[in-house]
N, C-alpha and C. Protein backbone atom coordinates (compact mmCIF):
# COMPACT_ATOMS: atom_id res chain seq x y z
N UNK A 1 47.40 19.17 13.85
CA UNK A 1 46.31 18.71 13.11
C UNK A 1 45.78 19.22 12.05
N UNK A 2 45.74 19.34 10.72
CA UNK A 2 45.38 20.15 9.78
C UNK A 2 43.98 20.22 9.66
N UNK A 3 43.51 21.45 8.64
CA UNK A 3 42.33 21.68 8.75
C UNK A 3 41.61 20.78 7.46
N UNK A 4 40.32 20.19 7.63
CA UNK A 4 39.71 19.29 6.95
C UNK A 4 39.02 20.06 5.59
N UNK A 5 39.40 20.27 4.38
CA UNK A 5 39.11 21.31 3.49
C UNK A 5 38.14 20.71 2.32
N UNK A 6 37.94 19.15 2.36
CA UNK A 6 36.74 18.47 2.18
C UNK A 6 35.45 18.77 2.54
N UNK A 7 35.49 18.63 3.67
CA UNK A 7 33.85 19.15 4.35
C UNK A 7 33.72 20.52 3.66
N UNK A 8 34.59 21.22 3.87
CA UNK A 8 34.07 22.84 3.07
C UNK A 8 33.82 22.85 1.92
N UNK A 9 34.44 22.16 1.15
CA UNK A 9 34.24 22.24 -0.53
C UNK A 9 33.27 21.19 -1.16
N UNK A 10 32.82 20.42 -0.30
CA UNK A 10 31.79 19.43 -0.80
C UNK A 10 30.24 19.94 -0.65
N UNK A 11 30.23 21.24 -0.06
CA UNK A 11 28.86 21.64 0.39
C UNK A 11 28.04 21.95 -1.13
N UNK A 12 27.13 21.34 -1.02
CA UNK A 12 25.76 20.93 -2.12
C UNK A 12 25.25 22.66 -2.64
N UNK A 13 25.03 22.52 -3.85
CA UNK A 13 24.61 24.13 -4.27
C UNK A 13 23.32 24.17 -3.89
N UNK A 14 22.49 25.14 -3.32
CA UNK A 14 21.37 25.25 -2.94
C UNK A 14 20.51 26.68 -3.11
N UNK A 15 19.49 26.97 -3.11
CA UNK A 15 18.29 27.82 -3.68
C UNK A 15 17.75 28.11 -2.13
N UNK A 16 17.68 29.29 -1.87
CA UNK A 16 17.04 29.58 -0.39
C UNK A 16 16.08 30.60 -1.01
N UNK A 17 16.12 31.34 -2.42
CA UNK A 17 14.70 32.32 -2.44
C UNK A 17 14.40 31.78 -3.98
N UNK A 18 12.98 32.43 -4.09
CA UNK A 18 12.73 32.33 -5.55
C UNK A 18 13.52 33.45 -6.48
N UNK A 19 13.01 33.77 -7.40
CA UNK A 19 13.54 34.77 -8.66
C UNK A 19 13.19 36.24 -8.05
N UNK A 20 12.07 36.25 -7.12
CA UNK A 20 11.86 37.61 -6.71
C UNK A 20 12.46 38.14 -5.36
N UNK A 21 13.31 37.32 -4.66
CA UNK A 21 14.12 37.75 -3.59
C UNK A 21 13.32 36.55 -2.17
N UNK A 22 11.82 36.32 -2.70
CA UNK A 22 11.22 35.72 -1.49
C UNK A 22 11.58 34.59 -0.86
N UNK A 23 11.54 34.04 0.05
CA UNK A 23 12.22 32.71 0.65
C UNK A 23 11.05 31.59 0.04
N UNK A 24 11.54 30.60 0.28
CA UNK A 24 10.83 29.64 -0.55
C UNK A 24 10.16 28.90 0.68
N UNK A 25 8.70 28.89 0.76
CA UNK A 25 8.04 28.01 1.68
C UNK A 25 8.27 26.76 2.06
N UNK A 26 8.23 25.89 3.20
CA UNK A 26 8.13 25.10 3.48
C UNK A 26 9.85 24.18 3.35
N UNK A 27 10.87 24.99 2.95
CA UNK A 27 12.10 25.16 2.56
C UNK A 27 12.88 25.69 3.07
N UNK A 28 13.24 25.95 4.81
CA UNK A 28 14.05 27.18 5.02
C UNK A 28 15.39 26.74 4.92
N UNK A 29 15.61 25.54 4.79
CA UNK A 29 17.23 25.01 4.76
C UNK A 29 17.45 24.93 3.06
N UNK A 30 16.75 25.60 2.27
CA UNK A 30 16.86 25.41 0.96
C UNK A 30 16.91 24.51 0.21
N UNK A 31 16.89 24.21 -1.19
CA UNK A 31 16.51 23.13 -2.15
C UNK A 31 17.76 23.23 -2.91
N UNK A 32 18.02 21.88 -2.83
CA UNK A 32 19.54 21.43 -3.30
C UNK A 32 19.29 21.46 -4.90
N UNK A 33 20.33 21.71 -5.87
CA UNK A 33 20.03 21.75 -7.31
C UNK A 33 19.93 20.56 -7.93
N UNK A 34 20.44 19.53 -7.02
CA UNK A 34 20.53 18.04 -7.83
C UNK A 34 19.04 17.61 -7.59
N UNK A 35 18.18 18.12 -6.62
CA UNK A 35 16.77 17.94 -6.56
C UNK A 35 16.07 18.66 -7.50
N UNK A 36 16.22 19.74 -7.79
CA UNK A 36 15.46 20.29 -8.85
C UNK A 36 15.82 20.20 -10.15
N UNK A 37 16.87 19.12 -10.67
CA UNK A 37 17.17 18.81 -11.64
C UNK A 37 16.76 17.42 -11.88
N UNK A 38 16.64 16.68 -10.84
CA UNK A 38 15.89 15.24 -10.90
C UNK A 38 14.38 15.60 -11.04
N UNK A 39 13.77 16.56 -10.28
CA UNK A 39 12.48 16.60 -10.24
C UNK A 39 12.16 17.21 -11.63
N UNK A 40 12.75 18.07 -12.17
CA UNK A 40 12.51 18.46 -13.47
C UNK A 40 12.29 17.44 -14.79
N UNK A 41 13.56 16.74 -14.63
CA UNK A 41 13.84 15.38 -15.34
C UNK A 41 12.65 14.73 -15.49
N UNK A 42 12.09 14.32 -14.08
CA UNK A 42 10.90 12.88 -14.12
C UNK A 42 9.67 13.79 -14.64
N UNK A 43 9.94 15.11 -14.35
CA UNK A 43 8.41 15.76 -14.91
C UNK A 43 8.33 15.76 -16.27
N UNK A 44 9.88 16.26 -16.86
CA UNK A 44 9.77 16.36 -18.52
C UNK A 44 9.31 14.61 -18.88
N UNK A 45 9.95 13.89 -18.33
CA UNK A 45 9.75 12.40 -19.08
C UNK A 45 8.14 12.18 -19.14
N UNK A 46 7.21 12.47 -17.89
CA UNK A 46 6.21 12.29 -17.42
C UNK A 46 5.26 12.90 -18.46
N UNK A 47 5.31 14.30 -18.90
CA UNK A 47 4.88 15.27 -19.56
C UNK A 47 4.79 14.91 -21.18
N UNK A 48 5.97 14.19 -21.28
CA UNK A 48 6.08 13.74 -22.86
C UNK A 48 5.45 12.71 -23.21
N UNK A 49 5.47 11.75 -21.85
CA UNK A 49 4.63 10.51 -21.77
C UNK A 49 3.27 11.03 -22.40
N UNK A 50 2.69 12.05 -21.37
CA UNK A 50 1.51 12.27 -21.59
C UNK A 50 1.09 12.84 -22.93
N UNK A 51 1.90 13.53 -23.33
CA UNK A 51 1.57 14.38 -24.71
C UNK A 51 1.57 13.24 -26.07
N UNK A 52 2.49 12.36 -25.85
CA UNK A 52 2.35 11.14 -26.70
C UNK A 52 1.13 10.46 -26.42
N UNK A 53 0.60 10.01 -25.27
CA UNK A 53 -0.37 9.34 -25.18
C UNK A 53 -1.63 9.98 -25.95
N UNK A 54 -1.88 11.44 -25.74
CA UNK A 54 -2.77 12.27 -26.54
C UNK A 54 -2.60 12.10 -28.03
N UNK A 55 -1.30 12.30 -28.49
CA UNK A 55 -0.89 12.62 -29.87
C UNK A 55 -1.26 10.96 -30.46
N UNK A 56 -0.85 9.69 -30.05
CA UNK A 56 -0.77 8.92 -30.39
C UNK A 56 -2.24 7.82 -30.12
N UNK A 57 -3.07 8.46 -29.19
CA UNK A 57 -4.21 8.06 -28.99
C UNK A 57 -4.18 7.07 -28.25
N UNK A 58 -3.38 6.73 -27.05
CA UNK A 58 -3.61 5.74 -26.22
C UNK A 58 -4.34 5.76 -25.16
N UNK A 59 -5.40 5.11 -25.28
CA UNK A 59 -6.68 5.36 -24.57
C UNK A 59 -6.43 5.45 -23.12
N UNK A 60 -5.78 4.11 -22.72
CA UNK A 60 -5.48 3.76 -21.22
C UNK A 60 -4.56 5.08 -20.52
N UNK A 61 -3.87 5.50 -21.08
CA UNK A 61 -2.71 6.36 -20.50
C UNK A 61 -3.79 7.95 -20.57
N UNK A 62 -4.31 8.11 -21.53
CA UNK A 62 -4.91 9.49 -21.84
C UNK A 62 -6.22 9.48 -20.46
N UNK A 63 -6.65 8.31 -20.21
CA UNK A 63 -7.80 8.07 -19.15
C UNK A 63 -6.97 8.24 -17.95
N UNK A 64 -6.05 7.62 -17.54
CA UNK A 64 -5.10 7.60 -16.08
C UNK A 64 -4.99 9.17 -16.17
N UNK A 65 -4.24 9.87 -17.23
CA UNK A 65 -3.57 11.11 -16.85
C UNK A 65 -4.77 12.47 -16.89
N UNK A 66 -5.92 12.26 -17.48
CA UNK A 66 -6.94 12.98 -17.25
C UNK A 66 -7.87 12.85 -15.84
N UNK A 67 -7.73 11.76 -15.43
CA UNK A 67 -8.46 11.68 -14.36
C UNK A 67 -7.53 11.32 -12.87
N UNK A 68 -6.80 10.93 -12.80
CA UNK A 68 -5.64 10.73 -11.64
C UNK A 68 -4.43 11.65 -11.86
N UNK A 69 -4.53 12.78 -12.42
CA UNK A 69 -3.11 13.61 -12.53
C UNK A 69 -2.60 14.17 -11.48
N UNK A 70 -3.26 14.24 -9.99
CA UNK A 70 -3.05 14.65 -8.90
C UNK A 70 -2.35 13.20 -8.26
N UNK A 71 -2.56 12.17 -8.61
CA UNK A 71 -1.73 10.69 -8.12
C UNK A 71 -0.21 10.90 -8.84
N UNK A 72 -0.62 11.44 -10.26
CA UNK A 72 0.73 11.12 -11.01
C UNK A 72 1.77 12.38 -10.44
N UNK A 73 1.12 13.40 -9.92
CA UNK A 73 2.28 14.35 -9.33
C UNK A 73 2.71 14.21 -8.05
N UNK A 74 1.97 13.47 -7.11
CA UNK A 74 2.70 13.01 -6.02
C UNK A 74 3.24 11.88 -6.45
N UNK A 75 3.35 11.00 -6.97
CA UNK A 75 4.22 10.10 -7.20
C UNK A 75 5.36 10.45 -7.95
N UNK A 76 5.38 11.55 -8.58
CA UNK A 76 6.63 12.34 -9.12
C UNK A 76 7.50 12.59 -8.04
N UNK A 77 6.52 13.58 -7.08
CA UNK A 77 7.22 13.89 -5.73
C UNK A 77 8.16 12.73 -4.85
N UNK A 78 7.12 11.56 -4.72
CA UNK A 78 7.74 10.61 -4.02
C UNK A 78 8.89 9.91 -4.56
N UNK A 79 8.75 9.40 -5.88
CA UNK A 79 9.91 8.79 -6.52
C UNK A 79 11.11 10.26 -6.42
N UNK A 80 11.13 11.31 -6.38
CA UNK A 80 12.33 12.19 -6.27
C UNK A 80 12.76 11.97 -4.96
N UNK A 81 11.86 12.15 -3.91
CA UNK A 81 12.16 11.72 -2.82
C UNK A 81 12.63 10.66 -2.38
N UNK A 82 12.28 9.65 -2.97
CA UNK A 82 13.08 8.14 -2.70
C UNK A 82 14.42 7.85 -3.21
N UNK A 83 14.30 8.50 -4.44
CA UNK A 83 15.72 8.74 -5.06
C UNK A 83 17.01 9.13 -4.26
N UNK A 84 16.85 10.29 -3.48
CA UNK A 84 17.65 11.02 -2.88
C UNK A 84 17.67 10.62 -1.22
N UNK A 85 16.70 10.03 -0.56
CA UNK A 85 16.71 9.52 0.58
C UNK A 85 17.52 8.66 1.18
N UNK A 86 17.20 7.37 -0.10
CA UNK A 86 17.82 6.04 -0.34
C UNK A 86 19.31 6.11 -0.26
N UNK A 87 20.23 5.23 0.49
CA UNK A 87 21.59 5.53 0.47
C UNK A 87 21.90 3.93 0.18
N UNK A 88 23.18 3.90 -0.67
CA UNK A 88 23.87 2.71 -0.96
C UNK A 88 25.38 2.96 -0.59
N UNK A 89 25.89 2.29 0.45
CA UNK A 89 27.08 2.01 0.55
C UNK A 89 27.45 3.70 1.56
N UNK A 90 26.57 4.49 2.09
CA UNK A 90 26.45 5.45 2.26
C UNK A 90 26.92 6.68 1.59
N UNK A 91 26.17 6.25 0.12
CA UNK A 91 26.25 7.45 -0.85
C UNK A 91 25.25 7.76 -1.08
N UNK A 92 25.00 9.10 -1.74
CA UNK A 92 23.77 9.42 -2.43
C UNK A 92 23.44 8.93 -3.77
N UNK A 93 22.14 8.61 -3.91
CA UNK A 93 21.77 8.05 -5.41
C UNK A 93 22.74 8.45 -6.48
N UNK A 94 22.48 9.62 -6.78
CA UNK A 94 23.77 9.84 -8.02
C UNK A 94 25.43 9.57 -7.69
N UNK A 95 25.86 9.62 -6.51
CA UNK A 95 26.73 8.81 -6.01
C UNK A 95 27.00 7.41 -6.52
N UNK A 96 25.87 6.80 -6.27
CA UNK A 96 25.73 5.41 -6.57
C UNK A 96 25.75 5.12 -7.97
N UNK A 97 24.82 6.07 -8.66
CA UNK A 97 24.79 5.68 -10.13
C UNK A 97 25.99 6.01 -11.03
N UNK A 98 27.03 7.10 -10.26
CA UNK A 98 27.99 7.35 -11.03
C UNK A 98 29.33 6.53 -10.79
N UNK A 99 29.19 5.87 -9.35
CA UNK A 99 29.96 4.62 -9.29
C UNK A 99 29.69 3.34 -10.32
N UNK A 100 28.63 3.14 -10.44
CA UNK A 100 28.21 1.99 -11.31
C UNK A 100 28.55 2.19 -12.82
N UNK A 101 28.63 3.54 -13.34
CA UNK A 101 29.14 3.92 -14.73
C UNK A 101 30.68 3.44 -14.68
N UNK A 102 31.29 4.18 -13.75
CA UNK A 102 32.55 4.25 -13.65
C UNK A 102 33.04 2.40 -13.67
N UNK A 103 32.10 1.71 -12.86
CA UNK A 103 32.64 0.12 -12.83
C UNK A 103 32.53 -0.30 -14.35
N UNK A 104 31.24 -0.23 -14.77
CA UNK A 104 30.92 -0.40 -16.20
C UNK A 104 31.97 0.13 -17.30
N UNK A 105 32.65 1.24 -17.31
CA UNK A 105 33.39 1.72 -17.84
C UNK A 105 35.00 1.36 -17.73
N UNK A 106 35.42 0.91 -16.56
CA UNK A 106 36.64 0.21 -16.28
C UNK A 106 36.61 -1.37 -16.25
N UNK A 107 35.39 -1.79 -16.65
CA UNK A 107 35.37 -3.27 -16.75
C UNK A 107 36.40 -3.82 -18.06
N UNK A 108 37.18 -5.09 -17.48
CA UNK A 108 38.01 -5.81 -18.64
C UNK A 108 39.33 -4.81 -18.55
N UNK A 109 39.82 -4.12 -17.60
CA UNK A 109 40.83 -3.01 -17.75
C UNK A 109 41.48 -3.58 -16.30
N UNK A 110 42.59 -3.50 -16.37
CA UNK A 110 43.51 -4.06 -15.41
C UNK A 110 44.56 -2.89 -14.98
N UNK A 111 44.82 -2.34 -13.59
CA UNK A 111 45.40 -1.34 -13.16
C UNK A 111 46.34 -1.78 -11.80
N UNK A 112 47.96 -1.50 -12.18
CA UNK A 112 48.64 -1.65 -10.93
C UNK A 112 49.23 -0.63 -10.53
N UNK A 113 49.51 0.04 -9.32
CA UNK A 113 50.06 1.10 -8.79
C UNK A 113 49.70 2.36 -9.85
N UNK A 114 48.19 2.26 -10.32
CA UNK A 114 47.55 3.72 -11.09
C UNK A 114 48.06 3.44 -12.54
N UNK A 115 48.85 2.42 -12.86
CA UNK A 115 49.06 2.55 -14.22
C UNK A 115 48.43 1.24 -14.84
N UNK A 116 48.11 1.55 -16.12
CA UNK A 116 47.32 0.55 -16.93
C UNK A 116 48.28 -0.72 -17.12
N UNK A 117 47.56 -2.14 -16.79
CA UNK A 117 48.75 -3.14 -17.17
C UNK A 117 48.06 -3.96 -18.08
N UNK A 118 48.99 -4.59 -18.70
CA UNK A 118 48.29 -5.56 -19.77
C UNK A 118 47.73 -6.92 -18.92
N UNK A 119 46.47 -7.37 -19.67
CA UNK A 119 45.65 -8.53 -19.25
C UNK A 119 46.32 -9.52 -19.65
N UNK A 120 46.28 -10.36 -19.03
CA UNK A 120 46.83 -11.44 -19.20
C UNK A 120 45.75 -12.80 -19.91
N UNK A 121 46.10 -13.95 -20.81
CA UNK A 121 44.97 -14.73 -21.56
C UNK A 121 44.84 -15.66 -20.86
N UNK A 122 45.99 -16.30 -20.27
CA UNK A 122 45.71 -17.39 -19.92
C UNK A 122 46.05 -17.65 -18.31
N UNK A 123 45.93 -18.49 -17.87
CA UNK A 123 46.30 -18.57 -16.53
C UNK A 123 47.43 -19.19 -16.01
N UNK A 124 48.33 -18.92 -14.93
CA UNK A 124 49.30 -19.13 -14.44
C UNK A 124 49.55 -20.15 -13.92
N UNK A 125 50.87 -21.18 -14.53
CA UNK A 125 50.96 -22.46 -14.02
C UNK A 125 52.58 -22.08 -13.17
N UNK A 126 52.74 -22.54 -11.80
CA UNK A 126 53.95 -22.48 -11.15
C UNK A 126 54.38 -23.65 -11.12
N UNK A 127 55.73 -23.41 -11.64
CA UNK A 127 56.64 -24.62 -11.22
C UNK A 127 57.08 -24.73 -10.46
N UNK A 128 57.28 -25.89 -9.61
CA UNK A 128 58.04 -26.40 -8.22
C UNK A 128 59.62 -25.78 -8.31
N UNK A 129 59.91 -25.01 -7.62
CA UNK A 129 61.06 -24.29 -7.23
C UNK A 129 62.12 -24.84 -6.24
N UNK A 130 63.34 -25.41 -6.65
CA UNK A 130 63.67 -26.12 -5.81
C UNK A 130 65.30 -25.21 -5.58
N UNK A 131 65.80 -25.05 -4.49
CA UNK A 131 67.02 -24.30 -4.64
C UNK A 131 68.33 -25.05 -3.93
N UNK A 132 69.24 -25.14 -4.53
CA UNK A 132 70.51 -26.23 -4.30
C UNK A 132 71.31 -25.20 -3.23
N UNK A 133 72.08 -25.61 -2.50
CA UNK A 133 72.99 -25.00 -1.52
C UNK A 133 74.18 -25.38 -2.46
N UNK A 134 75.21 -24.12 -2.24
CA UNK A 134 76.38 -24.43 -2.92
C UNK A 134 77.30 -24.38 -1.87
N UNK A 135 78.35 -25.36 -1.82
CA UNK A 135 79.35 -25.37 -0.82
C UNK A 135 80.73 -24.92 -1.13
């Protein structure tokens, strides 16, 4: 039996230490790079929303961010955890999203044996075929 290289090469990129070389508390198994990127993205969008609320004087958002900032931070953490703990078709969330993007890109295209085939515009009509015996 041959060696399964796919298991070896599909290992996620993880961080085990901070910049100073100290281990990350509460994460002895490391933090995956995709978690860091998604958490940073959600945090950036939230921060931009907060800054926009102060700049454009949206009173409801400003009140919510100044009084319930702890709830916002825990919501960001919860959203990140939910995104990466749920699975669709035994895939991670990012695998699910990339599959949906590929589906949308290949919509309306027809392939046969990995080659692009022309699309038919109408329905097929089959005529009755009778075979005559020759003597």
